[in-house]
Protein backbone atom coordinates (compact mmCIF):
# COMPACT_ATOMS: atom_id res chain seq x y z
CA UNK A 1 -11.66 4.57 -2.16
CA UNK A 2 -9.67 1.87 -0.41
CA UNK A 3 -10.10 1.58 3.36
CA UNK A 4 -6.63 0.50 4.50
CA UNK A 5 -7.58 0.79 8.17
CA UNK A 6 -9.86 -2.27 8.18
CA UNK A 7 -6.90 -4.65 8.11
CA UNK A 8 -5.55 -3.21 11.37
CA UNK A 9 -8.71 -4.33 13.19
CA UNK A 10 -8.08 -7.94 12.13
CA UNK A 11 -5.89 -9.25 14.95
CA UNK A 12 -5.67 -12.77 13.47
CA UNK A 13 -3.93 -11.87 10.20
CA UNK A 14 -0.16 -12.41 9.94
CA UNK A 15 2.08 -9.34 9.74
CA UNK A 16 3.50 -10.29 6.34
CA UNK A 17 -0.04 -10.45 4.92
CA UNK A 18 -0.64 -6.92 6.24
CA UNK A 19 2.55 -5.73 4.49
CA UNK A 20 1.48 -7.34 1.21
CA UNK A 21 -2.04 -5.89 1.51
CA UNK A 22 -0.75 -2.37 2.10
CA UNK A 23 1.68 -2.78 -0.80
CA UNK A 24 -1.15 -3.84 -3.12
CA UNK A 25 -3.28 -0.92 -1.91
CA UNK A 26 -0.48 1.52 -2.68
CA UNK A 27 0.04 0.02 -6.15
CA UNK A 28 -3.67 -0.10 -7.01
CA UNK A 29 -5.18 2.14 -9.65
CA UNK A 30 -7.30 4.64 -7.76
CA UNK A 31 -10.33 4.30 -10.05
CA UNK A 32 -10.43 0.50 -10.22
CA UNK A 33 -8.74 -0.64 -6.99
CA UNK A 34 -6.69 -3.14 -8.97
CA UNK A 35 -3.02 -3.76 -9.67
CA UNK A 36 -0.87 -6.43 -11.29
CA UNK A 37 2.64 -6.68 -9.81
CA UNK A 38 4.40 -10.03 -10.11
CA UNK A 39 5.10 -12.20 -7.07
CA UNK A 40 8.80 -11.57 -7.69
CA UNK A 41 8.31 -7.79 -7.72
CA UNK A 42 6.29 -7.83 -4.49
CA UNK A 43 8.92 -9.98 -2.79
CA UNK A 44 11.78 -7.81 -3.99
CA UNK A 45 10.09 -4.55 -3.01
CA UNK A 46 9.12 -5.84 0.46
CA UNK A 47 12.34 -7.80 0.98
CA UNK A 48 10.49 -11.08 1.61
CA UNK A 49 10.61 -14.43 -0.20
CA UNK A 50 8.29 -15.34 -3.04
CA UNK A 51 6.83 -18.20 -0.98
CA UNK A 52 6.01 -15.73 1.80
CA UNK A 53 4.27 -13.49 -0.74
CA UNK A 54 2.23 -16.45 -2.00
CA UNK A 55 1.21 -17.41 1.55
CA UNK A 56 0.21 -13.82 2.29
CA UNK A 57 -1.86 -13.61 -0.89
CA UNK A 58 -3.66 -16.88 -0.04
CA UNK A 59 -4.41 -15.51 3.43
CA UNK A 60 -5.71 -12.22 2.02
CA UNK A 61 -7.94 -14.09 -0.43
CA UNK A 62 -9.24 -16.37 2.33
CA UNK A 63 -10.14 -13.40 4.50
CA UNK A 64 -11.67 -11.57 1.49
CA UNK A 65 -9.36 -8.57 1.49
CA UNK A 66 -8.40 -9.19 -2.14
CA UNK A 67 -9.51 -11.18 -5.15
CA UNK A 68 -7.00 -12.58 -7.63
CA UNK A 69 -7.49 -13.24 -11.34
CA UNK A 70 -5.04 -15.05 -13.61
CA UNK A 71 -3.86 -13.17 -16.70
CA UNK A 72 -2.55 -14.70 -19.91
CA UNK A 73 -0.59 -13.46 -22.90
CA UNK A 74 -1.98 -13.75 -26.44
CA UNK A 75 0.18 -16.83 -26.99
CA UNK A 76 -1.41 -18.52 -23.95
CA UNK A 77 1.53 -18.02 -21.59
CA UNK A 78 0.78 -16.94 -18.02
CA UNK A 79 1.72 -13.43 -16.94
CA UNK A 80 1.23 -11.62 -13.63
CA UNK A 81 -2.06 -11.94 -11.77
CA UNK A 82 -4.39 -9.01 -11.39
CA UNK A 83 -5.35 -8.24 -7.79
CA UNK A 84 -8.58 -6.49 -6.84
CA UNK A 85 -8.79 -4.77 -3.47
CA UNK A 86 -12.19 -5.61 -1.97
């Protein structure tokens, strides 16, 4: 089970990173705590820019709230990342 409350105790994390974290938690598969929305989808759904989403994801990785893994198509092209809620 994902403990969403832990991020509220972190007073140093930017608000946009909190929004992105909660979004990823809501999108995560309950059994695996993972999801794979695109940067564009996250930005559109939260009404923030793609660069803001990328900064938030870097911050969440740095603070070990999430882990990110690149995903690739069979032809070698990059697709959306998979995010694991830690």
